[in-house]
C-alpha atoms as a PDB file:
ATOM      1  CA  MET A   1     104.673 119.012 116.148  1.00  0.00           C
ATOM      2  CA  ASP A   2     104.978 118.241 112.588  1.00  0.00           C
ATOM      3  CA  ASN A   3     104.428 114.815 110.906  1.00  0.00           C
ATOM      4  CA  ILE A   4     107.527 114.057 108.655  1.00  0.00           C
ATOM      5  CA  SER A   5     106.579 110.501 108.460  1.00  0.00           C
ATOM      6  CA  GLY A   6     103.201 110.973 106.720  1.00  0.00           C
ATOM      7  CA  PHE A   7     104.961 113.684 104.338  1.00  0.00           C
ATOM      8  CA  VAL A   8     107.792 111.403 103.472  1.00  0.00           C
ATOM      9  CA  LEU A   9     105.567 108.582 102.744  1.00  0.00           C
ATOM     10  CA  ARG A  10     103.545 110.774 100.192  1.00  0.00           C
ATOM     11  CA  VAL A  11     106.855 112.291  98.767  1.00  0.00           C
ATOM     12  CA  ALA A  12     108.005 108.682  98.034  1.00  0.00           C
ATOM     13  CA  GLU A  13     104.452 107.942  96.177  1.00  0.00           C
ATOM     14  CA  LEU A  14     104.565 111.133  94.120  1.00  0.00           C
ATOM     15  CA  GLU A  15     108.082 111.762  93.055  1.00  0.00           C
ATOM     16  CA  ASP A  16     110.574 109.585  91.194  1.00  0.00           C
ATOM     17  CA  SER A  17     113.368 111.837  90.759  1.00  0.00           C
ATOM     18  CA  LEU A  18     115.953 112.404  93.550  1.00  0.00           C
ATOM     19  CA  ARG A  19     115.848 116.209  92.564  1.00  0.00           C
ATOM     20  CA  ASP A  20     112.156 116.515  93.206  1.00  0.00           C
ATOM     21  CA  ARG A  21     112.352 114.627  96.389  1.00  0.00           C
ATOM     22  CA  ALA A  22     115.149 116.879  97.582  1.00  0.00           C
ATOM     23  CA  ILE A  23     113.398 120.034  96.830  1.00  0.00           C
ATOM     24  CA  ALA A  24     110.027 118.563  98.659  1.00  0.00           C
ATOM     25  CA  LEU A  25     112.432 117.479 101.635  1.00  0.00           C
ATOM     26  CA  ILE A  26     114.022 121.169 101.631  1.00  0.00           C
ATOM     27  CA  TRP A  27     110.365 122.847 101.409  1.00  0.00           C
ATOM     28  CA  TYR A  28     109.425 120.711 104.367  1.00  0.00           C
ATOM     29  CA  LEU A  29     112.345 121.194 106.497  1.00  0.00           C
ATOM     30  CA  THR A  30     112.676 125.070 106.048  1.00  0.00           C
ATOM     31  CA  GLU A  31     108.935 125.936 105.630  1.00  0.00           C
ATOM     32  CA  ILE A  32     107.136 123.699 107.880  1.00  0.00           C
ATOM     33  CA  SER A  33     109.763 122.493 110.545  1.00  0.00           C
ATOM     34  CA  LYS A  34     111.367 125.966 110.397  1.00  0.00           C
ATOM     35  CA  ALA A  35     114.870 124.315 110.292  1.00  0.00           C
ATOM     36  CA  GLU A  36     117.962 125.333 108.373  1.00  0.00           C
ATOM     37  CA  VAL A  37     119.201 123.083 105.678  1.00  0.00           C
ATOM     38  CA  SER A  38     122.378 123.494 103.954  1.00  0.00           C
ATOM     39  CA  ILE A  39     123.263 122.122 100.507  1.00  0.00           C
ATOM     40  CA  LYS A  40     125.772 119.500 102.055  1.00  0.00           C
ATOM     41  CA  GLU A  41     123.272 118.218 104.326  1.00  0.00           C
ATOM     42  CA  VAL A  42     120.762 117.308 101.451  1.00  0.00           C
ATOM     43  CA  PRO A  43     122.274 113.779 100.421  1.00  0.00           C
ATOM     44  CA  GLY A  44     122.357 112.705 103.902  1.00  0.00           C
ATOM     45  CA  LEU A  45     118.807 113.857 104.734  1.00  0.00           C
ATOM     46  CA  LEU A  46     117.369 111.982 101.789  1.00  0.00           C
ATOM     47  CA  VAL A  47     118.856 108.722 103.124  1.00  0.00           C
ATOM     48  CA  LYS A  48     117.965 109.561 106.997  1.00  0.00           C
ATOM     49  CA  HIS A  49     114.308 110.083 105.787  1.00  0.00           C
ATOM     50  CA  GLY A  50     114.055 106.996 103.533  1.00  0.00           C
ATOM     51  CA  LEU A  51     114.029 108.712 100.218  1.00  0.00           C
ATOM     52  CA  SER A  52     117.160 107.261  98.876  1.00  0.00           C
ATOM     53  CA  LYS A  53     119.556 104.623  99.808  1.00  0.00           C
ATOM     54  CA  ALA A  54     122.942 105.793  98.492  1.00  0.00           C
ATOM     55  CA  PRO A  55     122.515 108.825  96.303  1.00  0.00           C
ATOM     56  CA  ASN A  56     125.538 110.329  94.494  1.00  0.00           C
ATOM     57  CA  ALA A  57     126.136 113.328  96.729  1.00  0.00           C
ATOM     58  CA  SER A  58     127.716 115.709  94.056  1.00  0.00           C
ATOM     59  CA  ARG A  59     125.046 115.022  91.645  1.00  0.00           C
ATOM     60  CA  VAL A  60     122.157 115.782  94.048  1.00  0.00           C
ATOM     61  CA  MET A  61     123.767 118.922  95.452  1.00  0.00           C
ATOM     62  CA  SER A  62     124.264 119.976  91.514  1.00  0.00           C
ATOM     63  CA  ASP A  63     120.833 119.376  90.588  1.00  0.00           C
ATOM     64  CA  VAL A  64     119.308 121.195  93.683  1.00  0.00           C
ATOM     65  CA  ARG A  65     121.702 124.179  92.987  1.00  0.00           C
ATOM     66  CA  ALA A  66     120.480 124.148  89.372  1.00  0.00           C
ATOM     67  CA  ASP A  67     116.736 123.910  90.286  1.00  0.00           C
ATOM     68  CA  LYS A  68     115.038 127.252  89.923  1.00  0.00           C
ATOM     69  CA  ARG A  69     112.886 126.595  92.732  1.00  0.00           C
ATOM     70  CA  VAL A  70     115.612 126.767  95.144  1.00  0.00           C
ATOM     71  CA  HIS A  71     118.179 129.497  96.405  1.00  0.00           C
ATOM     72  CA  CYS A  72     121.357 128.157  97.971  1.00  0.00           C
ATOM     73  CA  ASP A  73     123.566 130.860  99.691  1.00  0.00           C
ATOM     74  CA  MET A  74     126.833 131.077  98.130  1.00  0.00           C
ATOM     75  CA  LYS A  75     128.644 131.566 101.378  1.00  0.00           C
ATOM     76  CA  SER A  76     126.814 129.616 104.037  1.00  0.00           C
ATOM     77  CA  GLY A  77     125.216 127.025 101.728  1.00  0.00           C
ATOM     78  CA  LEU A  78     121.886 127.412 103.377  1.00  0.00           C
ATOM     79  CA  CYS A  79     118.975 126.385 101.066  1.00  0.00           C
ATOM     80  CA  LYS A  80     115.595 127.906 100.869  1.00  0.00           C
ATOM     81  CA  ILE A  81     112.453 127.865  98.403  1.00  0.00           C
ATOM     82  CA  MET A  82     111.873 130.719  96.255  1.00  0.00           C
ATOM     83  CA  LEU A  83     108.865 132.437  97.304  1.00  0.00           C
ATOM     84  CA  PRO A  84     106.797 132.001  93.950  1.00  0.00           C
ATOM     85  CA  TYR A  85     107.079 128.307  94.249  1.00  0.00           C
ATOM     86  CA  ILE A  86     106.046 127.859  97.785  1.00  0.00           C
ATOM     87  CA  PRO A  87     102.236 127.865  97.399  1.00  0.00           C
ATOM     88  CA  SER A  88     102.423 125.114  94.730  1.00  0.00           C
ATOM     89  CA  LEU A  89     104.216 123.026  97.247  1.00  0.00           C
ATOM     90  CA  TYR A  90     101.576 123.517  99.766  1.00  0.00           C
ATOM     91  CA  GLU A  91      99.126 122.214  97.240  1.00  0.00           C
ATOM     92  CA  ARG A  92     101.121 119.293  96.206  1.00  0.00           C
ATOM     93  CA  TYR A  93     101.806 118.179  99.796  1.00  0.00           C
ATOM     94  CA  PRO A  94      98.609 119.056 101.826  1.00  0.00           C
ATOM     95  CA  VAL A  95      99.473 116.272 104.252  1.00  0.00           C
ATOM     96  CA  ALA A  96     102.292 118.439 105.627  1.00  0.00           C
ATOM     97  CA  THR A  97      99.790 120.807 106.990  1.00  0.00           C
ATOM     98  CA  SER A  98      96.728 118.662 107.554  1.00  0.00           C
ATOM     99  CA  PRO A  99      94.877 119.291 110.984  1.00  0.00           C
ATOM    100  CA  ILE A 100      95.244 115.577 111.832  1.00  0.00           C
ATOM    101  CA  ASN A 101      99.092 116.063 112.189  1.00  0.00           C
ATOM    102  CA  LEU A 102      98.827 117.543 115.734  1.00  0.00           C
ATOM    103  CA  PHE A 103     100.849 114.957 117.242  1.00  0.00           C
ATOM    104  CA  HIS A 104     103.768 112.845 116.189  1.00  0.00           C
ATOM    105  CA  ARG A 105     104.904 109.489 117.649  1.00  0.00           C
ATOM    106  CA  GLU A 106     107.003 106.711 116.239  1.00  0.00           C
ATOM    107  CA  ILE A 107     105.181 103.706 117.641  1.00  0.00           C
ATOM    108  CA  VAL A 108     108.060 101.621 115.946  1.00  0.00           C
ATOM    109  CA  ASN A 109     111.706 103.402 115.916  1.00  0.00           C
ATOM    110  CA  GLU A 110     112.361 103.101 112.177  1.00  0.00           C
ATOM    111  CA  SER A 111     116.134 103.620 112.758  1.00  0.00           C
ATOM    112  CA  ASP A 112     116.066 100.293 114.723  1.00  0.00           C
ATOM    113  CA  TYR A 113     115.229  98.433 111.514  1.00  0.00           C
ATOM    114  CA  SER A 114     117.084 100.317 108.789  1.00  0.00           C
ATOM    115  CA  GLY A 115     119.322  97.952 107.001  1.00  0.00           C
ATOM    116  CA  THR A 116     116.851  94.916 107.351  1.00  0.00           C
ATOM    117  CA  ARG A 117     114.505  94.217 104.466  1.00  0.00           C
ATOM    118  CA  ASP A 118     113.174  96.982 102.314  1.00  0.00           C
ATOM    119  CA  TYR A 119     109.490  95.606 102.836  1.00  0.00           C
ATOM    120  CA  ILE A 120     109.996  95.716 106.725  1.00  0.00           C
ATOM    121  CA  VAL A 121     111.193  99.311 106.619  1.00  0.00           C
ATOM    122  CA  SER A 122     108.407 100.361 104.242  1.00  0.00           C
ATOM    123  CA  LEU A 123     105.729  98.586 106.577  1.00  0.00           C
ATOM    124  CA  ILE A 124     107.091 100.293 109.588  1.00  0.00           C
ATOM    125  CA  ARG A 125     107.159 103.638 107.993  1.00  0.00           C
ATOM    126  CA  GLU A 126     103.454 103.154 106.908  1.00  0.00           C
ATOM    127  CA  ILE A 127     102.571 101.968 110.463  1.00  0.00           C
ATOM    128  CA  ASN A 128     104.155 105.076 111.799  1.00  0.00           C
ATOM    129  CA  ALA A 129     102.611 107.219 109.098  1.00  0.00           C
ATOM    130  CA  SER A 130      99.160 105.773 109.352  1.00  0.00           C
ATOM    131  CA  TYR A 131      99.137 106.227 113.292  1.00  0.00           C
ATOM    132  CA  ASN A 132     100.086 109.841 113.088  1.00  0.00           C
ATOM    133  CA  SER A 133      97.476 110.493 110.512  1.00  0.00           C
ATOM    134  CA  SER A 134      94.913 109.021 112.778  1.00  0.00           C
ATOM    135  CA  LEU A 135      94.175 105.987 110.497  1.00  0.00           C
ATOM    136  CA  PHE A 136      93.949 103.440 113.080  1.00  0.00           C
ATOM    137  CA  ASP A 137      92.124 100.762 111.213  1.00  0.00           C
ATOM    138  CA  GLY A 138      95.117 100.967 108.592  1.00  0.00           C
ATOM    139  CA  CYS A 139      97.625 100.978 111.480  1.00  0.00           C
ATOM    140  CA  ALA A 140      96.432  98.033 113.044  1.00  0.00           C
ATOM    141  CA  VAL A 141      96.143  95.916 109.741  1.00  0.00           C
ATOM    142  CA  LEU A 142      99.525  96.673 108.886  1.00  0.00           C
ATOM    143  CA  MET A 143     100.690  95.690 112.329  1.00  0.00           C
ATOM    144  CA  ARG A 144      99.029  92.422 111.774  1.00  0.00           C
ATOM    145  CA  ARG A 145     100.660  92.104 108.408  1.00  0.00           C
ATOM    146  CA  ILE A 146     104.158  92.514 109.424  1.00  0.00           C
ATOM    147  CA  ILE A 147     103.873  90.169 112.278  1.00  0.00           C
ATOM    148  CA  GLU A 148     102.226  87.412 110.062  1.00  0.00           C
ATOM    149  CA  SER A 149     105.153  88.124 107.503  1.00  0.00           C
ATOM    150  CA  LEU A 150     107.900  87.677 110.224  1.00  0.00           C
ATOM    151  CA  ILE A 151     106.674  84.557 111.568  1.00  0.00           C
ATOM    152  CA  ILE A 152     106.601  83.120 108.162  1.00  0.00           C
ATOM    153  CA  GLU A 153     110.290  84.332 107.588  1.00  0.00           C
ATOM    154  CA  THR A 154     111.432  82.643 110.663  1.00  0.00           C
ATOM    155  CA  TYR A 155     110.043  79.340 109.858  1.00  0.00           C
ATOM    156  CA  VAL A 156     111.284  79.533 106.117  1.00  0.00           C
ATOM    157  CA  THR A 157     114.634  80.607 107.354  1.00  0.00           C
ATOM    158  CA  LYS A 158     115.129  77.873 109.732  1.00  0.00           C
ATOM    159  CA  GLY A 159     113.937  75.367 107.208  1.00  0.00           C
ATOM    160  CA  PHE A 160     110.516  74.483 108.705  1.00  0.00           C
ATOM    161  CA  ASN A 161     108.280  75.390 105.943  1.00  0.00           C
ATOM    162  CA  ALA A 162     106.284  72.259 106.372  1.00  0.00           C
ATOM    163  CA  ALA A 163     105.389  73.215 109.849  1.00  0.00           C
ATOM    164  CA  ILE A 164     103.498  76.409 108.527  1.00  0.00           C
ATOM    165  CA  VAL A 165     102.118  75.013 105.321  1.00  0.00           C
ATOM    166  CA  ILE A 166      98.394  73.786 104.887  1.00  0.00           C
ATOM    167  CA  PRO A 167      98.523  70.288 103.949  1.00  0.00           C
ATOM    168  CA  GLY A 168      97.794  69.315 100.400  1.00  0.00           C
ATOM    169  CA  THR A 169      97.589  73.027  99.286  1.00  0.00           C
ATOM    170  CA  GLY A 170     101.225  74.304  99.404  1.00  0.00           C
ATOM    171  CA  GLU A 171      99.974  77.504 100.829  1.00  0.00           C
ATOM    172  CA  PHE A 172     100.991  79.109 104.086  1.00  0.00           C
ATOM    173  CA  MET A 173      98.459  79.247 107.064  1.00  0.00           C
ATOM    174  CA  MET A 174      96.616  82.362 107.977  1.00  0.00           C
ATOM    175  CA  LEU A 175      97.573  84.230 110.976  1.00  0.00           C
ATOM    176  CA  LYS A 176      95.525  82.148 113.255  1.00  0.00           C
ATOM    177  CA  GLY A 177      97.186  78.927 112.268  1.00  0.00           C
ATOM    178  CA  LEU A 178     100.493  80.614 112.327  1.00  0.00           C
ATOM    179  CA  VAL A 179      99.918  81.662 116.104  1.00  0.00           C
ATOM    180  CA  GLY A 180      98.912  78.209 116.863  1.00  0.00           C
ATOM    181  CA  VAL A 181     102.094  76.779 115.700  1.00  0.00           C
ATOM    182  CA  VAL A 182     104.126  79.229 117.656  1.00  0.00           C
ATOM    183  CA  GLN A 183     102.096  78.515 120.767  1.00  0.00           C
ATOM    184  CA  ALA A 184     102.786  74.894 120.154  1.00  0.00           C
ATOM    185  CA  GLY A 185     106.534  75.633 120.702  1.00  0.00           C
ATOM    186  CA  SER A 186     107.805  73.138 118.115  1.00  0.00           C
ATOM    187  CA  PRO A 187     109.957  72.899 115.913  1.00  0.00           C
ATOM    188  CA  VAL A 188     110.849  76.640 116.856  1.00  0.00           C
ATOM    189  CA  LYS A 189     110.807  77.612 120.540  1.00  0.00           C
ATOM    190  CA  PHE A 190     110.044  81.529 121.321  1.00  0.00           C
ATOM    191  CA  SER A 191     109.922  83.250 124.495  1.00  0.00           C
ATOM    192  CA  ARG A 192     107.473  82.499 127.070  1.00  0.00           C
ATOM    193  CA  GLY A 193     104.238  84.703 126.486  1.00  0.00           C
ATOM    194  CA  LEU A 194     104.941  85.565 122.796  1.00  0.00           C
ATOM    195  CA  GLY A 195     101.962  83.473 121.642  1.00  0.00           C
ATOM    196  CA  LYS A 196      99.552  85.524 123.949  1.00  0.00           C
ATOM    197  CA  ILE A 197     101.028  88.715 122.472  1.00  0.00           C
ATOM    198  CA  LEU A 198     100.485  87.631 118.930  1.00  0.00           C
ATOM    199  CA  GLU A 199      96.760  86.729 119.687  1.00  0.00           C
ATOM    200  CA  GLY A 200      96.279  90.231 121.012  1.00  0.00           C
ATOM    201  CA  ILE A 201      97.884  91.809 117.639  1.00  0.00           C
ATOM    202  CA  LYS A 202      95.700  89.560 115.457  1.00  0.00           C
ATOM    203  CA  ASP A 203      92.622  90.222 117.300  1.00  0.00           C
ATOM    204  CA  ILE A 204      92.786  94.127 116.926  1.00  0.00           C
ATOM    205  CA  GLY A 205      94.153  93.658 113.111  1.00  0.00           C
ATOM    206  CA  ASP A 206      91.297  91.195 112.375  1.00  0.00           C
ATOM    207  CA  ARG A 207      88.670  93.473 113.833  1.00  0.00           C
ATOM    208  CA  ALA A 208      89.952  96.380 111.910  1.00  0.00           C
ATOM    209  CA  ALA A 209      90.040  94.422 108.610  1.00  0.00           C
ATOM    210  CA  HIS A 210      86.766  92.529 108.793  1.00  0.00           C
ATOM    211  CA  HIS A 211      84.401  94.209 111.637  1.00  0.00           C
ATOM    212  CA  ARG A 212      81.323  95.491 109.651  1.00  0.00           C
ATOM    213  CA  THR A 213      80.904  98.707 111.869  1.00  0.00           C
ATOM    214  CA  TYR A 214      83.497  98.998 114.468  1.00  0.00           C
ATOM    215  CA  ILE A 215      86.204 101.888 113.818  1.00  0.00           C
ATOM    216  CA  THR A 216      89.437 101.218 115.526  1.00  0.00           C
ATOM    217  CA  LYS A 217      90.312 104.088 118.001  1.00  0.00           C
ATOM    218  CA  LYS A 218      93.819 105.497 119.198  1.00  0.00           C
ATOM    219  CA  GLN A 219      93.398 103.784 122.478  1.00  0.00           C
ATOM    220  CA  ASP A 220      92.971 100.370 120.884  1.00  0.00           C
ATOM    221  CA  VAL A 221      96.413 100.750 119.177  1.00  0.00           C
ATOM    222  CA  ASP A 222      97.994 102.352 122.292  1.00  0.00           C
ATOM    223  CA  LYS A 223      97.065  99.405 124.341  1.00  0.00           C
ATOM    224  CA  ILE A 224      99.306  97.051 122.310  1.00  0.00           C
ATOM    225  CA  ILE A 225     102.211  99.303 121.138  1.00  0.00           C
ATOM    226  CA  THR A 226     104.696  97.810 123.998  1.00  0.00           C
ATOM    227  CA  GLU A 227     103.926  94.302 123.281  1.00  0.00           C
ATOM    228  CA  PHE A 228     104.103  94.911 119.504  1.00  0.00           C
ATOM    229  CA  ASN A 229     107.555  96.124 119.648  1.00  0.00           C
ATOM    230  CA  VAL A 230     108.415  92.982 121.785  1.00  0.00           C
ATOM    231  CA  ALA A 231     106.990  90.805 119.378  1.00  0.00           C
ATOM    232  CA  LEU A 232     108.613  92.576 116.449  1.00  0.00           C
ATOM    233  CA  ASP A 233     111.977  92.490 117.980  1.00  0.00           C
ATOM    234  CA  GLU A 234     111.891  88.785 118.734  1.00  0.00           C
ATOM    235  CA  LEU A 235     110.663  87.796 115.468  1.00  0.00           C
ATOM    236  CA  ILE A 236     113.216  89.984 113.504  1.00  0.00           C
ATOM    237  CA  ARG A 237     115.999  88.250 115.573  1.00  0.00           C
ATOM    238  CA  SER A 238     114.586  84.863 115.294  1.00  0.00           C
ATOM    239  CA  SER A 239     114.039  85.196 111.616  1.00  0.00           C
ATOM    240  CA  GLY A 240     117.861  85.877 111.293  1.00  0.00           C
ATOM    241  CA  ILE A 241     117.135  89.323 109.440  1.00  0.00           C
ATOM    242  CA  LYS A 242     118.517  91.360 112.210  1.00  0.00           C
END
């Protein structure tokens, strides 16, 4: 199965213009995924895959039609990349055909968190992309990071900043301290067992970030996926973001 999460992440990094993002997406879907793409679908596909929030549909379709790299059938509206430009797109986006992309799994359902905060959506996309690219150290560190951010969001939103600030510094606690505050159950009460789940996520993230020799493996991440989603959902709701 192809890895569109990793591809989309790469396109977002490389391409600034909507035209180039649209061309890349058309190429991927028609050439790699072997799907049919009509010109009318392109604006919606850009939104669906996180490459644009609210594109001007008429302008996107006009730009795509005018691009020499694409042929759009006048009758059916189906788009395809012109043959001379296909090799250069393979060169520009090697992640699309990398041998490591032999499996695909969204360990967090991106659509569940659309419309929250941009940084949350970006982190979730990076978590999925790193997992599907077999970059499990990076995946574990990102999982740890989003949990840390959401604990802080929760206390700040509820007006309890002082509970998570290191006295005399004005700086927020590190994750170890934050988890300790969560486990104390005051001033914010969480579900029973959340503290233990957070400890597990912290441990794998810390090891991935700081252990001198250990390389995080797929099975390490797989062990905490369910509990990570439980924690993510509760913290998102507690923070008032969702």
